Amino acid sequence: MTFLLGALACKIVFAQSYKLAVARRQDVDWVSLISFAAGAALIVPLQATRLRELAGPALWLGLAYGLSGGSAQLFFFRALFHGEMSVSWTIVQLSTIIPVAASIVFWHEYPSPLQAVAIVGMVVAILLMGNVEIRLIQEPLAWTGWMALAFVASGLGGVAMKLLQSQPSRPSEGAFLFFAYLMSVLMTAPLVRGQRPTRAALGIGIVRGGAILATNWLVLEALKVLPGYLVFSMYSAGGVTLNVLFAALAWDERPTRWGYAGIGLAVVSSLVFSLGQ
């Protein structure tokens, strides 16, 4: 549980850096590139002795996680230009339905009947919040498209993390994350063209890189001792609650009545899912 609480604290910094970059009109591609590079650079002194694991699960799962996670963040950045932080971020967090389903199907970590009801509640919450958001924005098709891509890519990243911790060879988490961030750097670099990053973009990117590294590491540690469906559901519920609160306080993003209902249903469903064993 300590690992999850630490991951949630770091996740607040990571999530709100998205909005800060957009609010200050920074080049989000530069911010992404800097954050991934910073995460990879921080791993080297921390895991220098284990970064020799250049083959096996740490390599291919790390590259898969980098591909999914990097894609999800790039898609989410673009969705933010068409919708608000609170609802968009909530929907991305509910992508934990994907690794939860994978835990059930592939690892036979079966939820209780009450948890199954909570999964249905999560799906209803996604549909409810999506309808609210679409009515509030001027370009609903653009927002829906980017959010759908971010949702799927983010969920597949959770599956890669679960796969890593299920390997009998105990691959290095540091090598896994190093390869993940390296892949994300390679994905983001071609998008950066014609201008240098500002100091603000550099600072936000470095802070965000440290936050994402700490968050990922702590979730991987939690997966060593807790079942995947429990880790991902609690991580989702806590992340939704805290980041919606910060978005409302820091950015004055007040959801509508139906938006609050959808967020509330998402949080309650996630909590019921995690506690209904």
C-alpha atoms as a PDB file:
ATOM      1  CA  MET A   1       0.000   0.000   0.000  1.00  0.00           C
ATOM      2  CA  THR A   2       2.917   2.345   0.697  1.00  0.00           C
ATOM      3  CA  PHE A   3       4.080   1.961  -2.900  1.00  0.00           C
ATOM      4  CA  LEU A   4       0.622   2.907  -4.200  1.00  0.00           C
ATOM      5  CA  LEU A   5       0.385   6.003  -1.999  1.00  0.00           C
ATOM      6  CA  GLY A   6       3.792   7.146  -3.201  1.00  0.00           C
ATOM      7  CA  ALA A   7       2.796   6.528  -6.820  1.00  0.00           C
ATOM      8  CA  LEU A   8      -0.356   8.635  -6.381  1.00  0.00           C
ATOM      9  CA  ALA A   9       1.619  11.523  -4.909  1.00  0.00           C
ATOM     10  CA  CYS A  10       4.018  11.482  -7.867  1.00  0.00           C
ATOM     11  CA  LYS A  11       1.124  11.113 -10.269  1.00  0.00           C
ATOM     12  CA  ILE A  12      -0.315  14.461  -9.201  1.00  0.00           C
ATOM     13  CA  VAL A  13       2.886  16.200 -10.297  1.00  0.00           C
ATOM     14  CA  PHE A  14       3.002  14.229 -13.517  1.00  0.00           C
ATOM     15  CA  ALA A  15      -0.643  14.842 -14.451  1.00  0.00           C
ATOM     16  CA  GLN A  16      -0.771  18.538 -13.625  1.00  0.00           C
ATOM     17  CA  SER A  17       2.388  19.186 -15.647  1.00  0.00           C
ATOM     18  CA  TYR A  18       0.275  18.407 -18.724  1.00  0.00           C
ATOM     19  CA  LYS A  19      -2.049  21.284 -17.986  1.00  0.00           C
ATOM     20  CA  LEU A  20       0.780  23.617 -16.987  1.00  0.00           C
ATOM     21  CA  ALA A  21       2.529  23.076 -20.312  1.00  0.00           C
ATOM     22  CA  VAL A  22      -0.677  23.753 -22.253  1.00  0.00           C
ATOM     23  CA  ALA A  23      -1.643  26.745 -20.086  1.00  0.00           C
ATOM     24  CA  ARG A  24       1.752  28.365 -20.667  1.00  0.00           C
ATOM     25  CA  ARG A  25       1.523  27.631 -24.391  1.00  0.00           C
ATOM     26  CA  GLN A  26       4.657  25.536 -24.403  1.00  0.00           C
ATOM     27  CA  ASP A  27       5.536  23.193 -27.240  1.00  0.00           C
ATOM     28  CA  VAL A  28       4.111  19.947 -25.883  1.00  0.00           C
ATOM     29  CA  ASP A  29       6.303  17.839 -28.146  1.00  0.00           C
ATOM     30  CA  TRP A  30       9.416  19.418 -26.654  1.00  0.00           C
ATOM     31  CA  VAL A  31       8.055  18.904 -23.151  1.00  0.00           C
ATOM     32  CA  SER A  32       7.401  15.226 -23.911  1.00  0.00           C
ATOM     33  CA  LEU A  33      10.824  14.700 -25.456  1.00  0.00           C
ATOM     34  CA  ILE A  34      12.599  16.336 -22.507  1.00  0.00           C
ATOM     35  CA  SER A  35      10.598  14.363 -19.964  1.00  0.00           C
ATOM     36  CA  PHE A  36      11.343  11.000 -21.579  1.00  0.00           C
ATOM     37  CA  ALA A  37      15.028  11.864 -21.952  1.00  0.00           C
ATOM     38  CA  ALA A  38      15.188  13.015 -18.329  1.00  0.00           C
ATOM     39  CA  GLY A  39      13.557   9.783 -17.136  1.00  0.00           C
ATOM     40  CA  ALA A  40      16.066   7.668 -19.062  1.00  0.00           C
ATOM     41  CA  ALA A  41      19.014   9.755 -17.832  1.00  0.00           C
ATOM     42  CA  LEU A  42      17.918   9.418 -14.204  1.00  0.00           C
ATOM     43  CA  ILE A  43      17.811   5.620 -14.469  1.00  0.00           C
ATOM     44  CA  VAL A  44      21.460   5.270 -15.507  1.00  0.00           C
ATOM     45  CA  PRO A  45      23.067   6.195 -12.157  1.00  0.00           C
ATOM     46  CA  LEU A  46      20.311   4.404 -10.212  1.00  0.00           C
ATOM     47  CA  GLN A  47      20.504   1.092 -12.062  1.00  0.00           C
ATOM     48  CA  ALA A  48      23.912   1.138 -13.732  1.00  0.00           C
ATOM     49  CA  THR A  49      24.776  -2.412 -12.687  1.00  0.00           C
ATOM     50  CA  ARG A  50      21.555  -3.909 -14.105  1.00  0.00           C
ATOM     51  CA  LEU A  51      21.263  -1.990 -17.353  1.00  0.00           C
ATOM     52  CA  ARG A  52      23.342  -4.727 -18.977  1.00  0.00           C
ATOM     53  CA  GLU A  53      20.143  -6.751 -19.410  1.00  0.00           C
ATOM     54  CA  LEU A  54      19.919  -5.827 -23.064  1.00  0.00           C
ATOM     55  CA  ALA A  55      17.910  -8.861 -24.124  1.00  0.00           C
ATOM     56  CA  GLY A  56      14.869 -10.745 -22.951  1.00  0.00           C
ATOM     57  CA  PRO A  57      11.683  -9.452 -21.302  1.00  0.00           C
ATOM     58  CA  ALA A  58      13.170  -6.190 -20.033  1.00  0.00           C
ATOM     59  CA  LEU A  59      14.018  -5.214 -23.606  1.00  0.00           C
ATOM     60  CA  TRP A  60      10.904  -6.166 -25.569  1.00  0.00           C
ATOM     61  CA  LEU A  61       8.425  -5.329 -22.823  1.00  0.00           C
ATOM     62  CA  GLY A  62      10.170  -2.014 -22.191  1.00  0.00           C
ATOM     63  CA  LEU A  63       9.952  -1.104 -25.859  1.00  0.00           C
ATOM     64  CA  ALA A  64       6.273  -2.123 -25.917  1.00  0.00           C
ATOM     65  CA  TYR A  65       5.554  -0.018 -22.833  1.00  0.00           C
ATOM     66  CA  GLY A  66       7.395   2.943 -24.324  1.00  0.00           C
ATOM     67  CA  LEU A  67       5.410   2.639 -27.536  1.00  0.00           C
ATOM     68  CA  SER A  68       2.062   2.507 -25.736  1.00  0.00           C
ATOM     69  CA  GLY A  69       2.863   5.058 -23.045  1.00  0.00           C
ATOM     70  CA  GLY A  70       4.515   7.521 -25.402  1.00  0.00           C
ATOM     71  CA  SER A  71       1.602   7.267 -27.822  1.00  0.00           C
ATOM     72  CA  ALA A  72      -0.936   7.751 -25.027  1.00  0.00           C
ATOM     73  CA  GLN A  73       0.731  10.932 -23.822  1.00  0.00           C
ATOM     74  CA  LEU A  74       1.036  12.416 -27.290  1.00  0.00           C
ATOM     75  CA  PHE A  75      -2.620  11.637 -28.015  1.00  0.00           C
ATOM     76  CA  PHE A  76      -3.695  13.069 -24.662  1.00  0.00           C
ATOM     77  CA  PHE A  77      -1.786  16.315 -25.216  1.00  0.00           C
ATOM     78  CA  ARG A  78      -3.668  16.834 -28.449  1.00  0.00           C
ATOM     79  CA  ALA A  79      -7.008  15.997 -26.851  1.00  0.00           C
ATOM     80  CA  LEU A  80      -6.435  18.745 -24.278  1.00  0.00           C
ATOM     81  CA  PHE A  81      -6.623  21.353 -27.030  1.00  0.00           C
ATOM     82  CA  HIS A  82     -10.257  20.313 -27.569  1.00  0.00           C
ATOM     83  CA  GLY A  83     -11.456  19.501 -24.019  1.00  0.00           C
ATOM     84  CA  GLU A  84     -10.908  20.114 -20.315  1.00  0.00           C
ATOM     85  CA  MET A  85      -8.308  18.496 -18.096  1.00  0.00           C
ATOM     86  CA  SER A  86     -10.616  17.043 -15.458  1.00  0.00           C
ATOM     87  CA  VAL A  87     -12.887  14.918 -17.634  1.00  0.00           C
ATOM     88  CA  SER A  88     -10.202  13.986 -20.177  1.00  0.00           C
ATOM     89  CA  TRP A  89      -7.805  12.828 -17.486  1.00  0.00           C
ATOM     90  CA  THR A  90     -10.540  10.862 -15.728  1.00  0.00           C
ATOM     91  CA  ILE A  91     -11.338   8.947 -18.899  1.00  0.00           C
ATOM     92  CA  VAL A  92      -7.683   8.089 -19.512  1.00  0.00           C
ATOM     93  CA  GLN A  93      -7.370   6.793 -15.962  1.00  0.00           C
ATOM     94  CA  LEU A  94     -10.311   4.465 -16.526  1.00  0.00           C
ATOM     95  CA  SER A  95      -8.254   2.755 -19.222  1.00  0.00           C
ATOM     96  CA  THR A  96      -7.118   0.540 -16.342  1.00  0.00           C
ATOM     97  CA  ILE A  97     -10.133  -1.545 -17.360  1.00  0.00           C
ATOM     98  CA  ILE A  98      -7.839  -2.997 -20.051  1.00  0.00           C
ATOM     99  CA  PRO A  99      -5.094  -4.370 -17.746  1.00  0.00           C
ATOM    100  CA  VAL A 100      -7.776  -5.432 -15.240  1.00  0.00           C
ATOM    101  CA  ALA A 101      -9.436  -7.486 -17.976  1.00  0.00           C
ATOM    102  CA  ALA A 102      -6.042  -8.905 -18.946  1.00  0.00           C
ATOM    103  CA  SER A 103      -5.409  -9.920 -15.323  1.00  0.00           C
ATOM    104  CA  ILE A 104      -8.693 -11.831 -15.336  1.00  0.00           C
ATOM    105  CA  VAL A 105      -8.260 -13.513 -18.716  1.00  0.00           C
ATOM    106  CA  PHE A 106      -4.532 -14.284 -18.789  1.00  0.00           C
ATOM    107  CA  TRP A 107      -3.518 -14.435 -15.121  1.00  0.00           C
ATOM    108  CA  HIS A 108      -6.802 -15.811 -13.744  1.00  0.00           C
ATOM    109  CA  GLU A 109      -7.062 -13.123 -11.060  1.00  0.00           C
ATOM    110  CA  TYR A 110     -10.828 -13.230 -10.785  1.00  0.00           C
ATOM    111  CA  PRO A 111     -12.804 -10.373  -9.218  1.00  0.00           C
ATOM    112  CA  SER A 112     -15.743 -10.983  -6.920  1.00  0.00           C
ATOM    113  CA  PRO A 113     -19.343 -10.467  -8.163  1.00  0.00           C
ATOM    114  CA  LEU A 114     -19.347  -7.029  -6.526  1.00  0.00           C
ATOM    115  CA  GLN A 115     -16.191  -6.105  -8.400  1.00  0.00           C
ATOM    116  CA  ALA A 116     -17.785  -7.241 -11.659  1.00  0.00           C
ATOM    117  CA  VAL A 117     -20.640  -4.796 -11.007  1.00  0.00           C
ATOM    118  CA  ALA A 118     -18.057  -2.072 -10.399  1.00  0.00           C
ATOM    119  CA  ILE A 119     -16.477  -2.751 -13.792  1.00  0.00           C
ATOM    120  CA  VAL A 120     -19.855  -2.095 -15.418  1.00  0.00           C
ATOM    121  CA  GLY A 121     -20.042   1.135 -13.411  1.00  0.00           C
ATOM    122  CA  MET A 122     -16.687   2.227 -14.837  1.00  0.00           C
ATOM    123  CA  VAL A 123     -17.910   1.685 -18.386  1.00  0.00           C
ATOM    124  CA  VAL A 124     -21.112   3.658 -17.728  1.00  0.00           C
ATOM    125  CA  ALA A 125     -19.036   6.467 -16.200  1.00  0.00           C
ATOM    126  CA  ILE A 126     -16.861   6.645 -19.318  1.00  0.00           C
ATOM    127  CA  LEU A 127     -19.926   6.943 -21.550  1.00  0.00           C
ATOM    128  CA  LEU A 128     -21.537   9.537 -19.276  1.00  0.00           C
ATOM    129  CA  MET A 129     -18.456  11.733 -19.041  1.00  0.00           C
ATOM    130  CA  GLY A 130     -17.834  11.400 -22.736  1.00  0.00           C
ATOM    131  CA  ASN A 131     -21.309  12.665 -23.587  1.00  0.00           C
ATOM    132  CA  VAL A 132     -20.908  15.592 -21.203  1.00  0.00           C
ATOM    133  CA  GLU A 133     -17.572  16.556 -22.670  1.00  0.00           C
ATOM    134  CA  ILE A 134     -18.770  16.292 -26.267  1.00  0.00           C
ATOM    135  CA  ARG A 135     -21.616  18.717 -25.576  1.00  0.00           C
ATOM    136  CA  LEU A 136     -19.215  21.247 -24.065  1.00  0.00           C
ATOM    137  CA  ILE A 137     -16.617  21.451 -26.835  1.00  0.00           C
ATOM    138  CA  GLN A 138     -16.626  22.858 -30.341  1.00  0.00           C
ATOM    139  CA  GLU A 139     -14.731  20.014 -32.015  1.00  0.00           C
ATOM    140  CA  PRO A 140     -16.242  16.815 -30.572  1.00  0.00           C
ATOM    141  CA  LEU A 141     -14.948  14.507 -33.296  1.00  0.00           C
ATOM    142  CA  ALA A 142     -11.341  15.612 -32.779  1.00  0.00           C
ATOM    143  CA  TRP A 143     -11.576  15.216 -29.000  1.00  0.00           C
ATOM    144  CA  THR A 144     -13.279  11.819 -29.273  1.00  0.00           C
ATOM    145  CA  GLY A 145     -10.694  10.507 -31.704  1.00  0.00           C
ATOM    146  CA  TRP A 146      -7.667  11.590 -29.683  1.00  0.00           C
ATOM    147  CA  MET A 147      -9.214  10.364 -26.437  1.00  0.00           C
ATOM    148  CA  ALA A 148     -10.059   6.948 -27.900  1.00  0.00           C
ATOM    149  CA  LEU A 149      -6.464   6.512 -29.038  1.00  0.00           C
ATOM    150  CA  ALA A 150      -5.097   7.676 -25.671  1.00  0.00           C
ATOM    151  CA  PHE A 151      -7.470   5.342 -23.810  1.00  0.00           C
ATOM    152  CA  VAL A 152      -6.389   2.195 -25.680  1.00  0.00           C
ATOM    153  CA  ALA A 153      -2.678   3.044 -25.692  1.00  0.00           C
ATOM    154  CA  SER A 154      -2.671   3.826 -21.970  1.00  0.00           C
ATOM    155  CA  GLY A 155      -4.435   0.560 -21.139  1.00  0.00           C
ATOM    156  CA  LEU A 156      -1.971  -1.514 -23.135  1.00  0.00           C
ATOM    157  CA  GLY A 157       0.866   0.062 -21.149  1.00  0.00           C
ATOM    158  CA  GLY A 158      -0.605  -1.409 -17.966  1.00  0.00           C
ATOM    159  CA  VAL A 159      -0.653  -4.854 -19.582  1.00  0.00           C
ATOM    160  CA  ALA A 160       3.064  -4.525 -20.370  1.00  0.00           C
ATOM    161  CA  MET A 161       3.805  -3.712 -16.709  1.00  0.00           C
ATOM    162  CA  LYS A 162       1.831  -6.734 -15.539  1.00  0.00           C
ATOM    163  CA  LEU A 163       3.650  -8.932 -18.045  1.00  0.00           C
ATOM    164  CA  LEU A 164       7.008  -7.760 -16.724  1.00  0.00           C
ATOM    165  CA  GLN A 165       6.222  -8.649 -13.128  1.00  0.00           C
ATOM    166  CA  SER A 166       4.842 -12.050 -14.119  1.00  0.00           C
ATOM    167  CA  GLN A 167       8.133 -13.159 -15.686  1.00  0.00           C
ATOM    168  CA  PRO A 168       9.872 -15.930 -13.692  1.00  0.00           C
ATOM    169  CA  SER A 169      13.300 -14.503 -14.574  1.00  0.00           C
ATOM    170  CA  ARG A 170      12.690 -11.335 -12.501  1.00  0.00           C
ATOM    171  CA  PRO A 171      13.770  -8.778 -15.158  1.00  0.00           C
ATOM    172  CA  SER A 172      15.246  -5.462 -14.076  1.00  0.00           C
ATOM    173  CA  GLU A 173      12.633  -2.743 -13.619  1.00  0.00           C
ATOM    174  CA  GLY A 174      15.342  -0.183 -14.352  1.00  0.00           C
ATOM    175  CA  ALA A 175      16.213  -1.755 -17.700  1.00  0.00           C
ATOM    176  CA  PHE A 176      12.504  -2.037 -18.528  1.00  0.00           C
ATOM    177  CA  LEU A 177      11.906   1.665 -17.893  1.00  0.00           C
ATOM    178  CA  PHE A 178      15.148   2.693 -19.610  1.00  0.00           C
ATOM    179  CA  PHE A 179      14.110   0.964 -22.834  1.00  0.00           C
ATOM    180  CA  ALA A 180      10.578   2.327 -22.447  1.00  0.00           C
ATOM    181  CA  TYR A 181      11.747   5.926 -22.235  1.00  0.00           C
ATOM    182  CA  LEU A 182      14.265   5.371 -25.030  1.00  0.00           C
ATOM    183  CA  MET A 183      11.442   4.211 -27.298  1.00  0.00           C
ATOM    184  CA  SER A 184       9.371   7.242 -26.298  1.00  0.00           C
ATOM    185  CA  VAL A 185      12.296   9.559 -27.126  1.00  0.00           C
ATOM    186  CA  LEU A 186      12.600   7.968 -30.575  1.00  0.00           C
ATOM    187  CA  MET A 187       8.866   8.420 -31.118  1.00  0.00           C
ATOM    188  CA  THR A 188       8.802  12.042 -30.025  1.00  0.00           C
ATOM    189  CA  ALA A 189      12.036  13.349 -31.592  1.00  0.00           C
ATOM    190  CA  PRO A 190      10.698  13.534 -35.189  1.00  0.00           C
ATOM    191  CA  LEU A 191       7.852  15.766 -34.000  1.00  0.00           C
ATOM    192  CA  VAL A 192      10.242  18.476 -32.757  1.00  0.00           C
ATOM    193  CA  ARG A 193      11.147  20.782 -35.605  1.00  0.00           C
ATOM    194  CA  GLY A 194      12.614  24.196 -36.266  1.00  0.00           C
ATOM    195  CA  GLN A 195      12.841  25.695 -32.789  1.00  0.00           C
ATOM    196  CA  ARG A 196      14.643  25.285 -29.500  1.00  0.00           C
ATOM    197  CA  PRO A 197      12.829  24.566 -26.240  1.00  0.00           C
ATOM    198  CA  THR A 198      12.161  27.447 -23.894  1.00  0.00           C
ATOM    199  CA  ARG A 199      13.428  27.428 -20.327  1.00  0.00           C
ATOM    200  CA  ALA A 200       9.884  26.805 -19.135  1.00  0.00           C
ATOM    201  CA  ALA A 201       9.542  23.751 -21.390  1.00  0.00           C
ATOM    202  CA  LEU A 202      12.900  22.473 -20.172  1.00  0.00           C
ATOM    203  CA  GLY A 203      11.939  22.883 -16.518  1.00  0.00           C
ATOM    204  CA  ILE A 204       8.486  21.322 -16.908  1.00  0.00           C
ATOM    205  CA  GLY A 205       9.936  18.442 -18.890  1.00  0.00           C
ATOM    206  CA  ILE A 206      12.614  17.618 -16.315  1.00  0.00           C
ATOM    207  CA  VAL A 207      10.150  17.715 -13.408  1.00  0.00           C
ATOM    208  CA  ARG A 208       7.712  15.616 -15.370  1.00  0.00           C
ATOM    209  CA  GLY A 209      10.431  13.112 -16.254  1.00  0.00           C
ATOM    210  CA  GLY A 210      11.312  12.617 -12.596  1.00  0.00           C
ATOM    211  CA  ALA A 211       7.645  12.258 -11.688  1.00  0.00           C
ATOM    212  CA  ILE A 212       6.907   9.667 -14.355  1.00  0.00           C
ATOM    213  CA  LEU A 213       9.972   7.630 -13.391  1.00  0.00           C
ATOM    214  CA  ALA A 214       8.986   7.588  -9.716  1.00  0.00           C
ATOM    215  CA  THR A 215       5.357   6.772 -10.553  1.00  0.00           C
ATOM    216  CA  ASN A 216       6.210   3.874 -12.860  1.00  0.00           C
ATOM    217  CA  TRP A 217       8.759   2.434 -10.467  1.00  0.00           C
ATOM    218  CA  LEU A 218       6.392   2.507  -7.508  1.00  0.00           C
ATOM    219  CA  VAL A 219       3.578   0.852  -9.482  1.00  0.00           C
ATOM    220  CA  LEU A 220       5.966  -1.914 -10.568  1.00  0.00           C
ATOM    221  CA  GLU A 221       6.940  -2.464  -6.938  1.00  0.00           C
ATOM    222  CA  ALA A 222       3.271  -2.642  -5.930  1.00  0.00           C
ATOM    223  CA  LEU A 223       2.625  -5.277  -8.612  1.00  0.00           C
ATOM    224  CA  LYS A 224       5.198  -7.524  -6.933  1.00  0.00           C
ATOM    225  CA  VAL A 225       3.048  -7.916  -3.840  1.00  0.00           C
ATOM    226  CA  LEU A 226      -0.548  -7.230  -4.948  1.00  0.00           C
ATOM    227  CA  PRO A 227      -2.746  -8.658  -7.729  1.00  0.00           C
ATOM    228  CA  GLY A 228      -2.928  -6.595 -10.888  1.00  0.00           C
ATOM    229  CA  TYR A 229      -6.653  -5.869 -10.772  1.00  0.00           C
ATOM    230  CA  LEU A 230      -6.255  -4.452  -7.242  1.00  0.00           C
ATOM    231  CA  VAL A 231      -3.224  -2.274  -8.047  1.00  0.00           C
ATOM    232  CA  PHE A 232      -4.685  -0.814 -11.231  1.00  0.00           C
ATOM    233  CA  SER A 233      -8.149  -0.137  -9.801  1.00  0.00           C
ATOM    234  CA  MET A 234      -6.857   1.611  -6.662  1.00  0.00           C
ATOM    235  CA  TYR A 235      -4.330   3.549  -8.710  1.00  0.00           C
ATOM    236  CA  SER A 236      -7.107   4.665 -11.035  1.00  0.00           C
ATOM    237  CA  ALA A 237      -9.546   5.666  -8.266  1.00  0.00           C
ATOM    238  CA  GLY A 238      -6.954   7.653  -6.345  1.00  0.00           C
ATOM    239  CA  GLY A 239      -5.589   9.305  -9.467  1.00  0.00           C
ATOM    240  CA  VAL A 240      -9.030  10.381 -10.629  1.00  0.00           C
ATOM    241  CA  THR A 241      -9.993  11.835  -7.266  1.00  0.00           C
ATOM    242  CA  LEU A 242      -6.794  13.766  -6.620  1.00  0.00           C
ATOM    243  CA  ASN A 243      -6.297  15.137 -10.108  1.00  0.00           C
ATOM    244  CA  VAL A 244      -9.906  16.261 -10.516  1.00  0.00           C
ATOM    245  CA  LEU A 245      -9.558  18.075  -7.187  1.00  0.00           C
ATOM    246  CA  PHE A 246      -6.338  19.784  -8.277  1.00  0.00           C
ATOM    247  CA  ALA A 247      -7.790  20.720 -11.675  1.00  0.00           C
ATOM    248  CA  ALA A 248     -10.782  22.332  -9.976  1.00  0.00           C
ATOM    249  CA  LEU A 249      -8.657  24.247  -7.459  1.00  0.00           C
ATOM    250  CA  ALA A 250      -5.705  25.227  -9.630  1.00  0.00           C
ATOM    251  CA  TRP A 251      -7.360  25.719 -13.034  1.00  0.00           C
ATOM    252  CA  ASP A 252     -10.973  26.466 -12.037  1.00  0.00           C
ATOM    253  CA  GLU A 253     -12.250  23.655 -14.277  1.00  0.00           C
ATOM    254  CA  ARG A 254     -15.687  23.002 -12.834  1.00  0.00           C
ATOM    255  CA  PRO A 255     -17.503  20.017 -14.377  1.00  0.00           C
ATOM    256  CA  THR A 256     -21.219  20.266 -15.056  1.00  0.00           C
ATOM    257  CA  ARG A 257     -23.766  18.449 -12.888  1.00  0.00           C
ATOM    258  CA  TRP A 258     -23.643  15.414 -15.163  1.00  0.00           C
ATOM    259  CA  GLY A 259     -19.875  15.635 -15.260  1.00  0.00           C
ATOM    260  CA  TYR A 260     -19.764  15.426 -11.475  1.00  0.00           C
ATOM    261  CA  ALA A 261     -22.122  12.453 -11.623  1.00  0.00           C
ATOM    262  CA  GLY A 262     -19.859  10.648 -14.067  1.00  0.00           C
ATOM    263  CA  ILE A 263     -16.725  11.393 -12.047  1.00  0.00           C
ATOM    264  CA  GLY A 264     -18.470  10.304  -8.855  1.00  0.00           C
ATOM    265  CA  LEU A 265     -19.617   7.060 -10.445  1.00  0.00           C
ATOM    266  CA  ALA A 266     -16.089   6.412 -11.719  1.00  0.00           C
ATOM    267  CA  VAL A 267     -14.553   6.943  -8.295  1.00  0.00           C
ATOM    268  CA  VAL A 268     -17.178   4.884  -6.453  1.00  0.00           C
ATOM    269  CA  SER A 269     -16.911   2.058  -8.983  1.00  0.00           C
ATOM    270  CA  SER A 270     -13.128   2.009  -8.682  1.00  0.00           C
ATOM    271  CA  LEU A 271     -13.278   1.948  -4.900  1.00  0.00           C
ATOM    272  CA  VAL A 272     -15.940  -0.768  -4.828  1.00  0.00           C
ATOM    273  CA  PHE A 273     -13.858  -2.763  -7.258  1.00  0.00           C
ATOM    274  CA  SER A 274     -10.755  -2.550  -5.085  1.00  0.00           C
ATOM    275  CA  LEU A 275     -12.539  -3.293  -1.811  1.00  0.00           C
ATOM    276  CA  GLY A 276     -15.146  -5.815  -2.902  1.00  0.00           C
ATOM    277  CA  GLN A 277     -12.997  -8.925  -2.557  1.00  0.00           C
END
